[in-house]
Structure formats: structure tokens, C-alpha cells
Amino acid sequence: MALGWYELKLANDGQFMFNLYAANSQIILTSELYKTKASALNGIESVQKNGGDESNFEYRTTKSDQPYFILKAKNHQEIGRSQYYASQEGAKNGVKSVMNNAATTEIKDKTVA
């Protein structure tokens, strides 16, 4: 089974962030913002380490009742969050996709020209 990849990039304000993509090119997890590239790379390592364990995911819903999930590290720090889904089933499938793709070691660094 093909694995997805991480894409490391600069946010609009110059901070670093990353997305985890599934093999079908869909973004399945978006990171927080990091002040340094090294911190963002540590965030990717944390997803690789924690993303395969279903107990590290927390389901939430927006005020408008759209389900989403967050991935937390063992220290309960949020590592990343999903898009908003139309159904709880969609969010559950998103968690499965992150669990299947988190271990990928492919990182596309878009921070360098």
C-alpha cells in the first residue's frame, strides 16, 4: 500500500507548518505553527511516533456540529488537527487514514527555493 507524505512549508506569517497527505493527495492532518524549522521537523517526528495509536486522537465538533479530530502527543500537547467532516463516520475514516500514513518518512520541504 502506498503511503502518503509530509509537506513542510512556510505559513503566511513566516512561521513553519506541515501537512500530512494521504496517498490520494488529500490533506489528512495540519500542524500547529512553529517558530523554527527544527521545531516543525520535531512535530513531524511526533506525528510519526504518536499517529499510529488510536488513543492519541480526540474527536471534537465545531459549534456548527461539524466533526473533526486532533492528534495529541503523550504529554497531551496538540500536534495537529483534521479538516471538518460532514459526518462522524468521515472523521473516523480520517483517523484511520492518519494512522495508516503517519509512519511515512517522506518529507517534501517547500521552505527551500
PDB file of N, CA and C in Angstrom:
ATOM      1  N   MET A   1       0.851  -1.188   0.000  1.00  0.00           N
ATOM      2  CA  MET A   1       0.000   0.000   0.000  1.00  0.00           C
ATOM      3  C   MET A   1       0.889   1.241   0.000  1.00  0.00           C
ATOM      4  N   ALA A   2       0.600   2.162  -0.861  1.00  0.00           N
ATOM      5  CA  ALA A   2       1.385   3.401  -0.940  1.00  0.00           C
ATOM      6  C   ALA A   2       1.104   4.260   0.291  1.00  0.00           C
ATOM      7  N   LEU A   3       2.143   4.876   0.796  1.00  0.00           N
ATOM      8  CA  LEU A   3       1.988   5.777   1.928  1.00  0.00           C
ATOM      9  C   LEU A   3       1.946   7.219   1.432  1.00  0.00           C
ATOM     10  N   GLY A   4       1.433   8.067   2.268  1.00  0.00           N
ATOM     11  CA  GLY A   4       1.400   9.483   1.958  1.00  0.00           C
ATOM     12  C   GLY A   4       2.742  10.125   2.259  1.00  0.00           C
ATOM     13  N   TRP A   5       2.720  11.440   2.514  1.00  0.00           N
ATOM     14  CA  TRP A   5       3.948  12.184   2.774  1.00  0.00           C
ATOM     15  C   TRP A   5       3.625  13.413   3.606  1.00  0.00           C
ATOM     16  N   TYR A   6       4.679  13.972   4.162  1.00  0.00           N
ATOM     17  CA  TYR A   6       4.586  15.246   4.868  1.00  0.00           C
ATOM     18  C   TYR A   6       5.054  16.349   3.936  1.00  0.00           C
ATOM     19  N   GLU A   7       4.410  17.497   4.025  1.00  0.00           N
ATOM     20  CA  GLU A   7       4.856  18.658   3.277  1.00  0.00           C
ATOM     21  C   GLU A   7       5.132  19.764   4.292  1.00  0.00           C
ATOM     22  N   LEU A   8       6.393  20.162   4.365  1.00  0.00           N
ATOM     23  CA  LEU A   8       6.834  21.219   5.265  1.00  0.00           C
ATOM     24  C   LEU A   8       6.823  22.531   4.493  1.00  0.00           C
ATOM     25  N   LYS A   9       6.194  23.573   5.052  1.00  0.00           N
ATOM     26  CA  LYS A   9       6.108  24.830   4.319  1.00  0.00           C
ATOM     27  C   LYS A   9       6.066  26.012   5.268  1.00  0.00           C
ATOM     28  N   LEU A  10       6.176  27.191   4.690  1.00  0.00           N
ATOM     29  CA  LEU A  10       6.073  28.427   5.454  1.00  0.00           C
ATOM     30  C   LEU A  10       4.625  28.904   5.444  1.00  0.00           C
ATOM     31  N   ALA A  11       4.148  29.322   6.604  1.00  0.00           N
ATOM     32  CA  ALA A  11       2.821  29.924   6.699  1.00  0.00           C
ATOM     33  C   ALA A  11       2.927  31.378   6.244  1.00  0.00           C
ATOM     34  N   ASN A  12       1.795  32.038   6.074  1.00  0.00           N
ATOM     35  CA  ASN A  12       1.777  33.428   5.597  1.00  0.00           C
ATOM     36  C   ASN A  12       2.592  34.361   6.482  1.00  0.00           C
ATOM     37  N   ASP A  13       2.647  34.070   7.778  1.00  0.00           N
ATOM     38  CA  ASP A  13       3.361  34.958   8.703  1.00  0.00           C
ATOM     39  C   ASP A  13       4.835  34.584   8.868  1.00  0.00           C
ATOM     40  N   GLY A  14       5.320  33.654   8.037  1.00  0.00           N
ATOM     41  CA  GLY A  14       6.728  33.291   8.080  1.00  0.00           C
ATOM     42  C   GLY A  14       7.070  32.164   9.038  1.00  0.00           C
ATOM     43  N   GLN A  15       6.088  31.679   9.799  1.00  0.00           N
ATOM     44  CA  GLN A  15       6.329  30.538  10.670  1.00  0.00           C
ATOM     45  C   GLN A  15       6.264  29.253   9.836  1.00  0.00           C
ATOM     46  N   PHE A  16       6.695  28.164  10.437  1.00  0.00           N
ATOM     47  CA  PHE A  16       6.725  26.875   9.764  1.00  0.00           C
ATOM     48  C   PHE A  16       5.517  26.043  10.156  1.00  0.00           C
ATOM     49  N   MET A  17       5.081  25.210   9.227  1.00  0.00           N
ATOM     50  CA  MET A  17       3.972  24.283   9.488  1.00  0.00           C
ATOM     51  C   MET A  17       4.118  23.093   8.551  1.00  0.00           C
ATOM     52  N   PHE A  18       3.326  22.058   8.789  1.00  0.00           N
ATOM     53  CA  PHE A  18       3.329  20.923   7.874  1.00  0.00           C
ATOM     54  C   PHE A  18       1.935  20.346   7.746  1.00  0.00           C
ATOM     55  N   ASN A  19       1.734  19.677   6.622  1.00  0.00           N
ATOM     56  CA  ASN A  19       0.527  18.888   6.378  1.00  0.00           C
ATOM     57  C   ASN A  19       0.944  17.452   6.157  1.00  0.00           C
ATOM     58  N   LEU A  20       0.106  16.529   6.607  1.00  0.00           N
ATOM     59  CA  LEU A  20       0.268  15.117   6.276  1.00  0.00           C
ATOM     60  C   LEU A  20      -0.734  14.816   5.180  1.00  0.00           C
ATOM     61  N   TYR A  21      -0.228  14.297   4.069  1.00  0.00           N
ATOM     62  CA  TYR A  21      -1.067  13.932   2.928  1.00  0.00           C
ATOM     63  C   TYR A  21      -1.242  12.420   2.879  1.00  0.00           C
ATOM     64  N   ALA A  22      -2.424  11.979   2.484  1.00  0.00           N
ATOM     65  CA  ALA A  22      -2.658  10.568   2.196  1.00  0.00           C
ATOM     66  C   ALA A  22      -2.144  10.277   0.787  1.00  0.00           C
ATOM     67  N   ALA A  23      -2.030   9.011   0.446  1.00  0.00           N
ATOM     68  CA  ALA A  23      -1.531   8.617  -0.876  1.00  0.00           C
ATOM     69  C   ALA A  23      -2.388   9.193  -2.007  1.00  0.00           C
ATOM     70  N   ASN A  24      -3.659   9.518  -1.729  1.00  0.00           N
ATOM     71  CA  ASN A  24      -4.547  10.086  -2.753  1.00  0.00           C
ATOM     72  C   ASN A  24      -4.422  11.610  -2.848  1.00  0.00           C
ATOM     73  N   SER A  25      -3.384  12.180  -2.229  1.00  0.00           N
ATOM     74  CA  SER A  25      -3.079  13.619  -2.265  1.00  0.00           C
ATOM     75  C   SER A  25      -4.034  14.489  -1.453  1.00  0.00           C
ATOM     76  N   GLN A  26      -4.819  13.888  -0.569  1.00  0.00           N
ATOM     77  CA  GLN A  26      -5.700  14.651   0.312  1.00  0.00           C
ATOM     78  C   GLN A  26      -4.965  14.987   1.607  1.00  0.00           C
ATOM     79  N   ILE A  27      -5.111  16.231   2.086  1.00  0.00           N
ATOM     80  CA  ILE A  27      -4.532  16.598   3.383  1.00  0.00           C
ATOM     81  C   ILE A  27      -5.367  15.937   4.474  1.00  0.00           C
ATOM     82  N   ILE A  28      -4.697  15.187   5.358  1.00  0.00           N
ATOM     83  CA  ILE A  28      -5.426  14.499   6.424  1.00  0.00           C
ATOM     84  C   ILE A  28      -5.083  15.019   7.817  1.00  0.00           C
ATOM     85  N   LEU A  29      -4.010  15.820   7.925  1.00  0.00           N
ATOM     86  CA  LEU A  29      -3.656  16.408   9.217  1.00  0.00           C
ATOM     87  C   LEU A  29      -2.859  17.682   8.963  1.00  0.00           C
ATOM     88  N   THR A  30      -3.176  18.740   9.704  1.00  0.00           N
ATOM     89  CA  THR A  30      -2.474  20.016   9.594  1.00  0.00           C
ATOM     90  C   THR A  30      -1.882  20.360  10.948  1.00  0.00           C
ATOM     91  N   SER A  31      -0.630  20.766  10.941  1.00  0.00           N
ATOM     92  CA  SER A  31       0.069  21.062  12.189  1.00  0.00           C
ATOM     93  C   SER A  31      -0.286  22.438  12.732  1.00  0.00           C
ATOM     94  N   GLU A  32       0.183  22.667  13.938  1.00  0.00           N
ATOM     95  CA  GLU A  32       0.199  23.992  14.530  1.00  0.00           C
ATOM     96  C   GLU A  32       1.307  24.785  13.833  1.00  0.00           C
ATOM     97  N   LEU A  33       1.468  26.046  14.180  1.00  0.00           N
ATOM     98  CA  LEU A  33       2.562  26.862  13.636  1.00  0.00           C
ATOM     99  C   LEU A  33       3.777  26.756  14.550  1.00  0.00           C
ATOM    100  N   TYR A  34       4.941  26.720  13.946  1.00  0.00           N
ATOM    101  CA  TYR A  34       6.204  26.607  14.681  1.00  0.00           C
ATOM    102  C   TYR A  34       7.096  27.794  14.317  1.00  0.00           C
ATOM    103  N   LYS A  35       7.860  28.278  15.288  1.00  0.00           N
ATOM    104  CA  LYS A  35       8.752  29.418  15.052  1.00  0.00           C
ATOM    105  C   LYS A  35      10.000  29.021  14.266  1.00  0.00           C
ATOM    106  N   THR A  36      10.428  27.750  14.391  1.00  0.00           N
ATOM    107  CA  THR A  36      11.638  27.311  13.696  1.00  0.00           C
ATOM    108  C   THR A  36      11.369  26.058  12.880  1.00  0.00           C
ATOM    109  N   LYS A  37      12.187  25.880  11.867  1.00  0.00           N
ATOM    110  CA  LYS A  37      12.093  24.684  11.030  1.00  0.00           C
ATOM    111  C   LYS A  37      12.379  23.433  11.858  1.00  0.00           C
ATOM    112  N   ALA A  38      13.364  23.521  12.766  1.00  0.00           N
ATOM    113  CA  ALA A  38      13.698  22.368  13.615  1.00  0.00           C
ATOM    114  C   ALA A  38      12.499  21.948  14.458  1.00  0.00           C
ATOM    115  N   SER A  39      11.750  22.921  14.979  1.00  0.00           N
ATOM    116  CA  SER A  39      10.560  22.596  15.774  1.00  0.00           C
ATOM    117  C   SER A  39       9.500  21.913  14.921  1.00  0.00           C
ATOM    118  N   ALA A  40       9.320  22.381  13.689  1.00  0.00           N
ATOM    119  CA  ALA A  40       8.353  21.755  12.787  1.00  0.00           C
ATOM    120  C   ALA A  40       8.770  20.318  12.466  1.00  0.00           C
ATOM    121  N   LEU A  41      10.063  20.107  12.252  1.00  0.00           N
ATOM    122  CA  LEU A  41      10.542  18.742  11.994  1.00  0.00           C
ATOM    123  C   LEU A  41      10.334  17.852  13.220  1.00  0.00           C
ATOM    124  N   ASN A  42      10.500  18.415  14.411  1.00  0.00           N
ATOM    125  CA  ASN A  42      10.188  17.652  15.632  1.00  0.00           C
ATOM    126  C   ASN A  42       8.704  17.311  15.684  1.00  0.00           C
ATOM    127  N   GLY A  43       7.859  18.232  15.202  1.00  0.00           N
ATOM    128  CA  GLY A  43       6.420  17.969  15.141  1.00  0.00           C
ATOM    129  C   GLY A  43       6.108  16.792  14.222  1.00  0.00           C
ATOM    130  N   ILE A  44       6.792  16.736  13.082  1.00  0.00           N
ATOM    131  CA  ILE A  44       6.612  15.606  12.163  1.00  0.00           C
ATOM    132  C   ILE A  44       7.029  14.311  12.855  1.00  0.00           C
ATOM    133  N   GLU A  45       8.171  14.338  13.550  1.00  0.00           N
ATOM    134  CA  GLU A  45       8.614  13.145  14.292  1.00  0.00           C
ATOM    135  C   GLU A  45       7.567  12.725  15.315  1.00  0.00           C
ATOM    136  N   SER A  46       6.933  13.689  15.949  1.00  0.00           N
ATOM    137  CA  SER A  46       5.907  13.388  16.942  1.00  0.00           C
ATOM    138  C   SER A  46       4.689  12.726  16.301  1.00  0.00           C
ATOM    139  N   VAL A  47       4.310  13.184  15.109  1.00  0.00           N
ATOM    140  CA  VAL A  47       3.200  12.527  14.396  1.00  0.00           C
ATOM    141  C   VAL A  47       3.611  11.100  14.031  1.00  0.00           C
ATOM    142  N   GLN A  48       4.844  10.934  13.553  1.00  0.00           N
ATOM    143  CA  GLN A  48       5.324   9.594  13.201  1.00  0.00           C
ATOM    144  C   GLN A  48       5.258   8.666  14.412  1.00  0.00           C
ATOM    145  N   LYS A  49       5.588   9.193  15.575  1.00  0.00           N
ATOM    146  CA  LYS A  49       5.637   8.388  16.797  1.00  0.00           C
ATOM    147  C   LYS A  49       4.253   8.154  17.392  1.00  0.00           C
ATOM    148  N   ASN A  50       3.395   9.172  17.370  1.00  0.00           N
ATOM    149  CA  ASN A  50       2.104   9.108  18.067  1.00  0.00           C
ATOM    150  C   ASN A  50       0.904   8.832  17.173  1.00  0.00           C
ATOM    151  N   GLY A  51       1.079   9.001  15.855  1.00  0.00           N
ATOM    152  CA  GLY A  51      -0.055   8.909  14.945  1.00  0.00           C
ATOM    153  C   GLY A  51      -0.579   7.505  14.697  1.00  0.00           C
ATOM    154  N   GLY A  52       0.155   6.494  15.119  1.00  0.00           N
ATOM    155  CA  GLY A  52      -0.310   5.125  14.914  1.00  0.00           C
ATOM    156  C   GLY A  52      -1.140   4.580  16.057  1.00  0.00           C
ATOM    157  N   ASP A  53      -1.309   5.344  17.113  1.00  0.00           N
ATOM    158  CA  ASP A  53      -2.020   4.897  18.315  1.00  0.00           C
ATOM    159  C   ASP A  53      -3.360   5.619  18.418  1.00  0.00           C
ATOM    160  N   GLU A  54      -4.427   4.870  18.262  1.00  0.00           N
ATOM    161  CA  GLU A  54      -5.767   5.470  18.243  1.00  0.00           C
ATOM    162  C   GLU A  54      -6.097   6.228  19.528  1.00  0.00           C
ATOM    163  N   SER A  55      -5.474   5.843  20.644  1.00  0.00           N
ATOM    164  CA  SER A  55      -5.770   6.519  21.915  1.00  0.00           C
ATOM    165  C   SER A  55      -5.238   7.948  21.955  1.00  0.00           C
ATOM    166  N   ASN A  56      -4.387   8.327  20.999  1.00  0.00           N
ATOM    167  CA  ASN A  56      -3.851   9.699  20.953  1.00  0.00           C
ATOM    168  C   ASN A  56      -4.752  10.660  20.183  1.00  0.00           C
ATOM    169  N   PHE A  57      -5.868  10.163  19.660  1.00  0.00           N
ATOM    170  CA  PHE A  57      -6.792  11.007  18.904  1.00  0.00           C
ATOM    171  C   PHE A  57      -7.974  11.394  19.779  1.00  0.00           C
ATOM    172  N   GLU A  58      -8.434  12.608  19.589  1.00  0.00           N
ATOM    173  CA  GLU A  58      -9.595  13.097  20.317  1.00  0.00           C
ATOM    174  C   GLU A  58     -10.588  13.663  19.311  1.00  0.00           C
ATOM    175  N   TYR A  59     -11.819  13.162  19.367  1.00  0.00           N
ATOM    176  CA  TYR A  59     -12.858  13.660  18.464  1.00  0.00           C
ATOM    177  C   TYR A  59     -13.505  14.889  19.073  1.00  0.00           C
ATOM    178  N   ARG A  60     -13.768  15.873  18.226  1.00  0.00           N
ATOM    179  CA  ARG A  60     -14.434  17.107  18.650  1.00  0.00           C
ATOM    180  C   ARG A  60     -15.446  17.506  17.578  1.00  0.00           C
ATOM    181  N   THR A  61     -16.291  18.475  17.926  1.00  0.00           N
ATOM    182  CA  THR A  61     -17.202  19.030  16.921  1.00  0.00           C
ATOM    183  C   THR A  61     -17.174  20.552  17.022  1.00  0.00           C
ATOM    184  N   THR A  62     -17.369  21.199  15.881  1.00  0.00           N
ATOM    185  CA  THR A  62     -17.415  22.658  15.840  1.00  0.00           C
ATOM    186  C   THR A  62     -18.752  23.127  16.401  1.00  0.00           C
ATOM    187  N   LYS A  63     -18.874  24.423  16.594  1.00  0.00           N
ATOM    188  CA  LYS A  63     -20.152  24.994  17.065  1.00  0.00           C
ATOM    189  C   LYS A  63     -21.279  24.687  16.086  1.00  0.00           C
ATOM    190  N   SER A  64     -20.929  24.509  14.809  1.00  0.00           N
ATOM    191  CA  SER A  64     -21.953  24.192  13.808  1.00  0.00           C
ATOM    192  C   SER A  64     -22.071  22.676  13.582  1.00  0.00           C
ATOM    193  N   ASP A  65     -21.604  21.908  14.566  1.00  0.00           N
ATOM    194  CA  ASP A  65     -21.763  20.446  14.581  1.00  0.00           C
ATOM    195  C   ASP A  65     -20.987  19.689  13.513  1.00  0.00           C
ATOM    196  N   GLN A  66     -19.872  20.245  13.065  1.00  0.00           N
ATOM    197  CA  GLN A  66     -19.042  19.519  12.112  1.00  0.00           C
ATOM    198  C   GLN A  66     -17.967  18.761  12.887  1.00  0.00           C
ATOM    199  N   PRO A  67     -17.896  17.433  12.711  1.00  0.00           N
ATOM    200  CA  PRO A  67     -16.890  16.647  13.416  1.00  0.00           C
ATOM    201  C   PRO A  67     -15.482  16.887  12.869  1.00  0.00           C
ATOM    202  N   TYR A  68     -14.507  16.828  13.753  1.00  0.00           N
ATOM    203  CA  TYR A  68     -13.094  16.840  13.374  1.00  0.00           C
ATOM    204  C   TYR A  68     -12.330  16.128  14.479  1.00  0.00           C
ATOM    205  N   PHE A  69     -11.033  15.975  14.308  1.00  0.00           N
ATOM    206  CA  PHE A  69     -10.235  15.344  15.357  1.00  0.00           C
ATOM    207  C   PHE A  69      -8.918  16.065  15.521  1.00  0.00           C
ATOM    208  N   ILE A  70      -8.338  15.877  16.698  1.00  0.00           N
ATOM    209  CA  ILE A  70      -6.980  16.365  16.942  1.00  0.00           C
ATOM    210  C   ILE A  70      -6.114  15.166  17.327  1.00  0.00           C
ATOM    211  N   LEU A  71      -4.841  15.285  17.036  1.00  0.00           N
ATOM    212  CA  LEU A  71      -3.854  14.286  17.440  1.00  0.00           C
ATOM    213  C   LEU A  71      -3.012  14.909  18.531  1.00  0.00           C
ATOM    214  N   LYS A  72      -2.885  14.183  19.655  1.00  0.00           N
ATOM    215  CA  LYS A  72      -2.105  14.682  20.777  1.00  0.00           C
ATOM    216  C   LYS A  72      -0.899  13.773  21.018  1.00  0.00           C
ATOM    217  N   ALA A  73       0.162  14.395  21.503  1.00  0.00           N
ATOM    218  CA  ALA A  73       1.333  13.634  21.928  1.00  0.00           C
ATOM    219  C   ALA A  73       1.049  13.045  23.312  1.00  0.00           C
ATOM    220  N   LYS A  74       1.950  12.206  23.789  1.00  0.00           N
ATOM    221  CA  LYS A  74       1.775  11.583  25.107  1.00  0.00           C
ATOM    222  C   LYS A  74       1.677  12.630  26.218  1.00  0.00           C
ATOM    223  N   ASN A  75       2.275  13.809  26.017  1.00  0.00           N
ATOM    224  CA  ASN A  75       2.210  14.878  27.020  1.00  0.00           C
ATOM    225  C   ASN A  75       0.937  15.716  26.884  1.00  0.00           C
ATOM    226  N   HIS A  76       0.017  15.259  26.045  1.00  0.00           N
ATOM    227  CA  HIS A  76      -1.291  15.889  25.804  1.00  0.00           C
ATOM    228  C   HIS A  76      -1.208  17.193  25.014  1.00  0.00           C
ATOM    229  N   GLN A  77      -0.035  17.516  24.461  1.00  0.00           N
ATOM    230  CA  GLN A  77       0.098  18.676  23.576  1.00  0.00           C
ATOM    231  C   GLN A  77      -0.536  18.333  22.237  1.00  0.00           C
ATOM    232  N   GLU A  78      -1.270  19.265  21.667  1.00  0.00           N
ATOM    233  CA  GLU A  78      -1.836  19.043  20.342  1.00  0.00           C
ATOM    234  C   GLU A  78      -0.721  19.101  19.298  1.00  0.00           C
ATOM    235  N   ILE A  79      -0.684  18.093  18.424  1.00  0.00           N
ATOM    236  CA  ILE A  79       0.313  18.047  17.349  1.00  0.00           C
ATOM    237  C   ILE A  79      -0.309  18.545  16.046  1.00  0.00           C
ATOM    238  N   GLY A  80      -1.538  18.161  15.810  1.00  0.00           N
ATOM    239  CA  GLY A  80      -2.199  18.545  14.569  1.00  0.00           C
ATOM    240  C   GLY A  80      -3.686  18.300  14.654  1.00  0.00           C
ATOM    241  N   ARG A  81      -4.395  18.802  13.642  1.00  0.00           N
ATOM    242  CA  ARG A  81      -5.850  18.617  13.601  1.00  0.00           C
ATOM    243  C   ARG A  81      -6.307  18.365  12.170  1.00  0.00           C
ATOM    244  N   SER A  82      -7.480  17.817  12.078  1.00  0.00           N
ATOM    245  CA  SER A  82      -8.027  17.471  10.767  1.00  0.00           C
ATOM    246  C   SER A  82      -8.850  18.615  10.205  1.00  0.00           C
ATOM    247  N   GLN A  83      -9.303  18.387   9.001  1.00  0.00           N
ATOM    248  CA  GLN A  83     -10.310  19.248   8.395  1.00  0.00           C
ATOM    249  C   GLN A  83     -11.633  18.988   9.110  1.00  0.00           C
ATOM    250  N   TYR A  84     -12.666  19.730   8.749  1.00  0.00           N
ATOM    251  CA  TYR A  84     -14.005  19.455   9.260  1.00  0.00           C
ATOM    252  C   TYR A  84     -14.681  18.459   8.334  1.00  0.00           C
ATOM    253  N   TYR A  85     -15.387  17.521   8.929  1.00  0.00           N
ATOM    254  CA  TYR A  85     -16.054  16.472   8.166  1.00  0.00           C
ATOM    255  C   TYR A  85     -17.563  16.664   8.192  1.00  0.00           C
ATOM    256  N   ALA A  86     -18.229  16.050   7.220  1.00  0.00           N
ATOM    257  CA  ALA A  86     -19.689  16.126   7.139  1.00  0.00           C
ATOM    258  C   ALA A  86     -20.349  15.168   8.128  1.00  0.00           C
ATOM    259  N   SER A  87     -19.600  14.136   8.565  1.00  0.00           N
ATOM    260  CA  SER A  87     -20.176  13.140   9.467  1.00  0.00           C
ATOM    261  C   SER A  87     -19.106  12.601  10.410  1.00  0.00           C
ATOM    262  N   GLN A  88     -19.564  12.014  11.517  1.00  0.00           N
ATOM    263  CA  GLN A  88     -18.652  11.375  12.466  1.00  0.00           C
ATOM    264  C   GLN A  88     -17.928  10.211  11.783  1.00  0.00           C
ATOM    265  N   GLU A  89     -18.621   9.530  10.891  1.00  0.00           N
ATOM    266  CA  GLU A  89     -18.010   8.425  10.141  1.00  0.00           C
ATOM    267  C   GLU A  89     -16.827   8.928   9.311  1.00  0.00           C
ATOM    268  N   GLY A  90     -16.999  10.097   8.707  1.00  0.00           N
ATOM    269  CA  GLY A  90     -15.908  10.701   7.940  1.00  0.00           C
ATOM    270  C   GLY A  90     -14.704  10.988   8.828  1.00  0.00           C
ATOM    271  N   ALA A  91     -14.948  11.523  10.021  1.00  0.00           N
ATOM    272  CA  ALA A  91     -13.855  11.804  10.959  1.00  0.00           C
ATOM    273  C   ALA A  91     -13.156  10.514  11.369  1.00  0.00           C
ATOM    274  N   LYS A  92     -13.919   9.459  11.605  1.00  0.00           N
ATOM    275  CA  LYS A  92     -13.319   8.159  11.974  1.00  0.00           C
ATOM    276  C   LYS A  92     -12.451   7.622  10.839  1.00  0.00           C
ATOM    277  N   ASN A  93     -12.921   7.780   9.606  1.00  0.00           N
ATOM    278  CA  ASN A  93     -12.115   7.353   8.458  1.00  0.00           C
ATOM    279  C   ASN A  93     -10.852   8.202   8.344  1.00  0.00           C
ATOM    280  N   GLY A  94     -10.946   9.487   8.699  1.00  0.00           N
ATOM    281  CA  GLY A  94      -9.782  10.356   8.701  1.00  0.00           C
ATOM    282  C   GLY A  94      -8.732   9.893   9.696  1.00  0.00           C
ATOM    283  N   VAL A  95      -9.176   9.491  10.887  1.00  0.00           N
ATOM    284  CA  VAL A  95      -8.247   8.966  11.901  1.00  0.00           C
ATOM    285  C   VAL A  95      -7.557   7.720  11.367  1.00  0.00           C
ATOM    286  N   LYS A  96      -8.324   6.825  10.751  1.00  0.00           N
ATOM    287  CA  LYS A  96      -7.725   5.600  10.178  1.00  0.00           C
ATOM    288  C   LYS A  96      -6.669   5.955   9.142  1.00  0.00           C
ATOM    289  N   SER A  97      -6.955   6.968   8.329  1.00  0.00           N
ATOM    290  CA  SER A  97      -6.013   7.381   7.299  1.00  0.00           C
ATOM    291  C   SER A  97      -4.736   7.940   7.921  1.00  0.00           C
ATOM    292  N   VAL A  98      -4.871   8.775   8.964  1.00  0.00           N
ATOM    293  CA  VAL A  98      -3.676   9.284   9.646  1.00  0.00           C
ATOM    294  C   VAL A  98      -2.892   8.120  10.240  1.00  0.00           C
ATOM    295  N   MET A  99      -3.584   7.183  10.876  1.00  0.00           N
ATOM    296  CA  MET A  99      -2.891   6.035  11.475  1.00  0.00           C
ATOM    297  C   MET A  99      -2.131   5.236  10.411  1.00  0.00           C
ATOM    298  N   ASN A 100      -2.709   5.130   9.221  1.00  0.00           N
ATOM    299  CA  ASN A 100      -2.064   4.378   8.135  1.00  0.00           C
ATOM    300  C   ASN A 100      -0.891   5.129   7.519  1.00  0.00           C
ATOM    301  N   ASN A 101      -0.911   6.450   7.562  1.00  0.00           N
ATOM    302  CA  ASN A 101       0.101   7.253   6.862  1.00  0.00           C
ATOM    303  C   ASN A 101       1.123   7.929   7.771  1.00  0.00           C
ATOM    304  N   ALA A 102       0.882   7.965   9.062  1.00  0.00           N
ATOM    305  CA  ALA A 102       1.732   8.722   9.987  1.00  0.00           C
ATOM    306  C   ALA A 102       3.196   8.285   9.938  1.00  0.00           C
ATOM    307  N   ALA A 103       3.446   7.010   9.730  1.00  0.00           N
ATOM    308  CA  ALA A 103       4.816   6.487   9.802  1.00  0.00           C
ATOM    309  C   ALA A 103       5.661   6.804   8.571  1.00  0.00           C
ATOM    310  N   THR A 104       5.066   7.383   7.543  1.00  0.00           N
ATOM    311  CA  THR A 104       5.843   7.682   6.342  1.00  0.00           C
ATOM    312  C   THR A 104       7.058   8.550   6.682  1.00  0.00           C
ATOM    313  N   THR A 105       8.150   8.315   5.995  1.00  0.00           N
ATOM    314  CA  THR A 105       9.360   9.105   6.226  1.00  0.00           C
ATOM    315  C   THR A 105       9.597  10.111   5.105  1.00  0.00           C
ATOM    316  N   GLU A 106       8.687  10.150   4.133  1.00  0.00           N
ATOM    317  CA  GLU A 106       8.851  11.094   3.016  1.00  0.00           C
ATOM    318  C   GLU A 106       8.422  12.491   3.458  1.00  0.00           C
ATOM    319  N   ILE A 107       9.351  13.436   3.362  1.00  0.00           N
ATOM    320  CA  ILE A 107       9.073  14.830   3.722  1.00  0.00           C
ATOM    321  C   ILE A 107       9.439  15.701   2.516  1.00  0.00           C
ATOM    322  N   LYS A 108       8.438  16.412   2.006  1.00  0.00           N
ATOM    323  CA  LYS A 108       8.680  17.344   0.895  1.00  0.00           C
ATOM    324  C   LYS A 108       8.863  18.723   1.517  1.00  0.00           C
ATOM    325  N   ASP A 109      10.071  19.238   1.434  1.00  0.00           N
ATOM    326  CA  ASP A 109      10.405  20.515   2.057  1.00  0.00           C
ATOM    327  C   ASP A 109      10.174  21.640   1.064  1.00  0.00           C
ATOM    328  N   LYS A 110       9.095  22.402   1.289  1.00  0.00           N
ATOM    329  CA  LYS A 110       8.752  23.525   0.405  1.00  0.00           C
ATOM    330  C   LYS A 110       9.297  24.851   0.948  1.00  0.00           C
ATOM    331  N   THR A 111      10.118  24.787   2.005  1.00  0.00           N
ATOM    332  CA  THR A 111      10.656  26.008   2.599  1.00  0.00           C
ATOM    333  C   THR A 111      11.927  26.462   1.910  1.00  0.00           C
ATOM    334  N   VAL A 112      12.462  25.632   1.018  1.00  0.00           N
ATOM    335  CA  VAL A 112      13.687  25.997   0.300  1.00  0.00           C
ATOM    336  C   VAL A 112      13.344  26.250  -1.161  1.00  0.00           C
ATOM    337  N   ALA A 113      13.940  27.257  -1.731  1.00  0.00           N
ATOM    338  CA  ALA A 113      13.634  27.631  -3.126  1.00  0.00           C
ATOM    339  C   ALA A 113      14.310  26.694  -4.094  1.00  0.00           C
TER     340      ALA A 113
END
